[in-house]
N, C-alpha and C. Protein backbone atom coordinates (compact mmCIF):
# COMPACT_ATOMS: atom_id res chain seq x y z
N LEU A 1 -23.53 -18.41 26.31
CA LEU A 1 -22.48 -19.41 26.47
C LEU A 1 -21.26 -18.76 27.11
N GLY A 2 -20.57 -19.51 27.92
CA GLY A 2 -19.36 -19.03 28.54
C GLY A 2 -18.20 -19.94 28.22
N LYS A 3 -17.00 -19.36 28.12
CA LYS A 3 -15.80 -20.14 27.81
C LYS A 3 -15.43 -21.01 29.01
N ILE A 4 -15.16 -22.28 28.75
CA ILE A 4 -14.68 -23.19 29.77
C ILE A 4 -13.16 -23.22 29.73
N LYS A 5 -12.59 -23.50 28.55
CA LYS A 5 -11.13 -23.46 28.36
C LYS A 5 -10.81 -23.70 26.89
N GLU A 6 -9.54 -23.57 26.54
CA GLU A 6 -9.11 -23.81 25.17
C GLU A 6 -9.24 -25.30 24.84
N CYS A 7 -9.38 -25.57 23.57
CA CYS A 7 -9.55 -26.95 23.10
C CYS A 7 -8.31 -27.39 22.33
N PRO A 8 -7.60 -28.40 22.83
CA PRO A 8 -6.44 -28.88 22.08
C PRO A 8 -6.91 -29.61 20.83
N ARG A 9 -6.27 -29.33 19.74
CA ARG A 9 -6.63 -29.94 18.46
C ARG A 9 -6.07 -31.34 18.40
N CYS A 10 -6.86 -32.28 17.95
CA CYS A 10 -6.41 -33.66 17.83
C CYS A 10 -5.58 -33.84 16.56
N THR A 11 -5.18 -35.05 16.29
CA THR A 11 -4.33 -35.31 15.12
C THR A 11 -5.14 -35.56 13.85
N VAL A 12 -6.44 -35.44 13.89
CA VAL A 12 -7.26 -35.71 12.70
C VAL A 12 -6.81 -34.89 11.49
N PRO A 13 -6.52 -33.58 11.62
CA PRO A 13 -6.07 -32.83 10.44
C PRO A 13 -4.74 -33.32 9.87
N CYS A 14 -3.99 -34.12 10.62
CA CYS A 14 -2.72 -34.67 10.15
C CYS A 14 -2.91 -36.01 9.42
N ARG A 15 -4.16 -36.40 9.23
CA ARG A 15 -4.45 -37.71 8.65
C ARG A 15 -5.23 -37.60 7.33
N ASP A 16 -5.04 -38.59 6.50
CA ASP A 16 -5.80 -38.71 5.25
C ASP A 16 -7.21 -39.13 5.61
N GLU A 17 -8.20 -38.38 5.18
CA GLU A 17 -9.58 -38.68 5.57
C GLU A 17 -10.10 -39.99 4.99
N ALA A 18 -9.56 -40.44 3.89
CA ALA A 18 -10.03 -41.68 3.27
C ALA A 18 -9.41 -42.92 3.90
N THR A 19 -8.12 -42.82 4.31
CA THR A 19 -7.42 -44.01 4.81
C THR A 19 -7.17 -43.98 6.31
N GLY A 20 -7.15 -42.79 6.90
CA GLY A 20 -6.83 -42.67 8.32
C GLY A 20 -5.33 -42.66 8.59
N GLN A 21 -4.53 -42.84 7.54
CA GLN A 21 -3.07 -42.83 7.68
C GLN A 21 -2.57 -41.39 7.85
N PHE A 22 -1.45 -41.23 8.53
CA PHE A 22 -0.86 -39.91 8.66
C PHE A 22 -0.42 -39.40 7.30
N LEU A 23 -0.55 -38.09 7.08
CA LEU A 23 -0.16 -37.49 5.80
C LEU A 23 1.35 -37.48 5.62
N PHE A 24 2.07 -37.24 6.70
CA PHE A 24 3.53 -37.17 6.65
C PHE A 24 4.08 -38.34 7.46
N LEU A 25 4.43 -39.42 6.79
CA LEU A 25 4.80 -40.65 7.48
C LEU A 25 6.08 -40.53 8.30
N ARG A 26 7.05 -39.77 7.84
CA ARG A 26 8.32 -39.62 8.57
C ARG A 26 8.18 -38.70 9.78
N ASP A 27 7.30 -37.74 9.67
CA ASP A 27 7.12 -36.75 10.75
C ASP A 27 5.62 -36.55 10.92
N LYS A 28 4.99 -37.43 11.70
CA LYS A 28 3.54 -37.48 11.79
C LYS A 28 2.89 -36.17 12.22
N LEU A 29 3.57 -35.38 13.05
CA LEU A 29 2.99 -34.12 13.53
C LEU A 29 3.61 -32.91 12.83
N LYS A 30 4.05 -33.10 11.59
CA LYS A 30 4.67 -32.01 10.83
C LYS A 30 3.73 -30.80 10.73
N LEU A 31 2.47 -31.05 10.50
CA LEU A 31 1.50 -29.95 10.40
C LEU A 31 1.50 -29.11 11.68
N TRP A 32 1.55 -29.77 12.86
CA TRP A 32 1.56 -29.01 14.12
C TRP A 32 2.82 -28.19 14.27
N LYS A 33 3.95 -28.70 13.77
CA LYS A 33 5.21 -27.96 13.86
C LYS A 33 5.15 -26.69 13.01
N VAL A 34 4.54 -26.79 11.85
CA VAL A 34 4.37 -25.62 10.99
C VAL A 34 3.43 -24.61 11.65
N LEU A 35 2.32 -25.10 12.21
CA LEU A 35 1.38 -24.21 12.89
C LEU A 35 2.00 -23.59 14.14
N LYS A 36 2.82 -24.36 14.86
CA LYS A 36 3.46 -23.82 16.06
C LYS A 36 4.41 -22.68 15.72
N ALA A 37 5.10 -22.80 14.61
CA ALA A 37 6.00 -21.74 14.17
C ALA A 37 5.21 -20.48 13.82
N ALA A 38 4.03 -20.66 13.22
CA ALA A 38 3.21 -19.51 12.81
C ALA A 38 2.40 -18.93 13.97
N PHE A 39 1.95 -19.78 14.90
CA PHE A 39 1.08 -19.34 16.00
C PHE A 39 1.58 -19.89 17.34
N PRO A 40 2.74 -19.46 17.83
CA PRO A 40 3.31 -20.06 19.03
C PRO A 40 2.45 -19.92 20.28
N LEU A 41 1.65 -18.89 20.40
CA LEU A 41 0.84 -18.71 21.60
C LEU A 41 -0.33 -19.68 21.67
N LYS A 42 -0.67 -20.32 20.57
CA LYS A 42 -1.78 -21.28 20.56
C LYS A 42 -1.34 -22.66 21.05
N PHE A 43 -0.11 -22.79 21.52
CA PHE A 43 0.41 -24.08 21.98
C PHE A 43 0.69 -24.07 23.47
N SER A 44 0.21 -23.09 24.19
CA SER A 44 0.49 -23.00 25.62
C SER A 44 -0.80 -22.79 26.39
N ASP A 45 -0.97 -23.53 27.46
CA ASP A 45 -2.16 -23.41 28.29
C ASP A 45 -1.68 -23.35 29.74
N PRO A 46 -2.11 -22.34 30.51
CA PRO A 46 -1.63 -22.22 31.88
C PRO A 46 -1.97 -23.43 32.75
N GLU A 47 -3.02 -24.15 32.43
CA GLU A 47 -3.44 -25.29 33.22
C GLU A 47 -2.75 -26.58 32.76
N TRP A 48 -2.59 -26.74 31.45
CA TRP A 48 -2.03 -27.97 30.91
C TRP A 48 -0.57 -27.85 30.52
N GLY A 49 -0.03 -26.65 30.49
CA GLY A 49 1.35 -26.45 30.05
C GLY A 49 1.44 -26.48 28.54
N VAL A 50 2.57 -26.91 28.02
CA VAL A 50 2.77 -26.94 26.58
C VAL A 50 2.20 -28.24 26.03
N TRP A 51 1.52 -28.15 24.93
CA TRP A 51 0.82 -29.26 24.30
C TRP A 51 1.47 -29.59 22.97
N ALA A 52 1.48 -30.85 22.56
CA ALA A 52 2.08 -31.24 21.28
C ALA A 52 1.29 -30.69 20.10
N GLY A 53 -0.02 -30.52 20.28
CA GLY A 53 -0.86 -29.98 19.22
C GLY A 53 -1.26 -28.55 19.54
N ALA A 54 -1.98 -27.97 18.66
CA ALA A 54 -2.38 -26.56 18.83
C ALA A 54 -3.73 -26.43 19.52
N PHE A 55 -3.96 -25.30 20.16
CA PHE A 55 -5.26 -24.96 20.71
C PHE A 55 -5.94 -24.07 19.67
N PHE A 56 -6.85 -24.61 18.89
CA PHE A 56 -7.52 -23.83 17.86
C PHE A 56 -9.03 -23.87 18.03
N GLY A 57 -9.49 -23.91 19.24
CA GLY A 57 -10.92 -23.91 19.51
C GLY A 57 -11.16 -23.66 20.98
N LEU A 58 -12.41 -23.63 21.36
CA LEU A 58 -12.78 -23.40 22.75
C LEU A 58 -13.86 -24.38 23.17
N TYR A 59 -13.78 -24.82 24.41
CA TYR A 59 -14.90 -25.53 25.00
C TYR A 59 -15.82 -24.46 25.57
N MET A 60 -17.09 -24.50 25.19
CA MET A 60 -18.06 -23.52 25.66
C MET A 60 -19.15 -24.26 26.43
N GLY A 61 -19.76 -23.57 27.39
CA GLY A 61 -20.84 -24.17 28.15
C GLY A 61 -21.97 -23.18 28.37
N HIS A 62 -23.16 -23.68 28.48
CA HIS A 62 -24.34 -22.86 28.73
C HIS A 62 -24.34 -22.46 30.20
N ASN A 63 -24.36 -21.16 30.46
CA ASN A 63 -24.27 -20.70 31.84
C ASN A 63 -25.63 -20.41 32.49
N GLY A 64 -26.73 -20.72 31.79
CA GLY A 64 -28.06 -20.56 32.38
C GLY A 64 -28.53 -19.13 32.54
N LYS A 65 -27.86 -18.19 31.86
CA LYS A 65 -28.26 -16.78 31.95
C LYS A 65 -28.93 -16.36 30.66
N GLY A 66 -29.64 -15.27 30.71
CA GLY A 66 -30.28 -14.74 29.52
C GLY A 66 -31.71 -15.22 29.40
N THR A 67 -32.28 -15.07 28.22
CA THR A 67 -33.66 -15.45 27.98
C THR A 67 -33.80 -16.96 28.08
N GLY A 68 -34.59 -17.42 29.02
CA GLY A 68 -34.75 -18.87 29.23
C GLY A 68 -33.51 -19.43 29.91
N THR A 69 -33.63 -20.58 30.47
CA THR A 69 -32.47 -21.19 31.14
C THR A 69 -32.09 -22.52 30.53
N VAL A 70 -32.78 -22.93 29.49
CA VAL A 70 -32.50 -24.22 28.86
C VAL A 70 -32.15 -23.98 27.40
N LEU A 71 -31.06 -24.57 26.95
CA LEU A 71 -30.65 -24.50 25.56
C LEU A 71 -31.07 -25.80 24.89
N ARG A 72 -31.88 -25.68 23.84
CA ARG A 72 -32.43 -26.86 23.16
C ARG A 72 -31.96 -26.92 21.72
N VAL A 73 -31.95 -28.10 21.14
CA VAL A 73 -31.65 -28.28 19.73
C VAL A 73 -32.61 -27.40 18.93
N GLY A 74 -32.05 -26.61 18.02
CA GLY A 74 -32.86 -25.74 17.20
C GLY A 74 -32.90 -24.31 17.70
N ASP A 75 -32.49 -24.06 18.95
CA ASP A 75 -32.44 -22.69 19.47
C ASP A 75 -31.41 -21.88 18.69
N THR A 76 -31.68 -20.61 18.52
CA THR A 76 -30.73 -19.71 17.87
C THR A 76 -29.72 -19.24 18.91
N VAL A 77 -28.44 -19.31 18.54
CA VAL A 77 -27.37 -18.86 19.42
C VAL A 77 -26.63 -17.75 18.70
N HIS A 78 -26.51 -16.59 19.34
CA HIS A 78 -25.78 -15.45 18.78
C HIS A 78 -24.44 -15.34 19.46
N VAL A 79 -23.39 -15.22 18.65
CA VAL A 79 -22.03 -15.11 19.22
C VAL A 79 -21.52 -13.72 19.00
């Protein structure tokens, strides 16, 4: 697998999983503000600029190299 780019985190972690309502009604993105203070470099992307949420993941893609050229459900992937 090869890295495509950073993945911006959506607002799901800022919401109550049972109701879908924001956890902090007065400041809906309060969680992102706390994370931005702790991890400021995770909020900047050279292609997209500064993002309201954090980049806490990666988009990965199969580059067709290595043993076999097709990645199938059930294949073992080593990172």
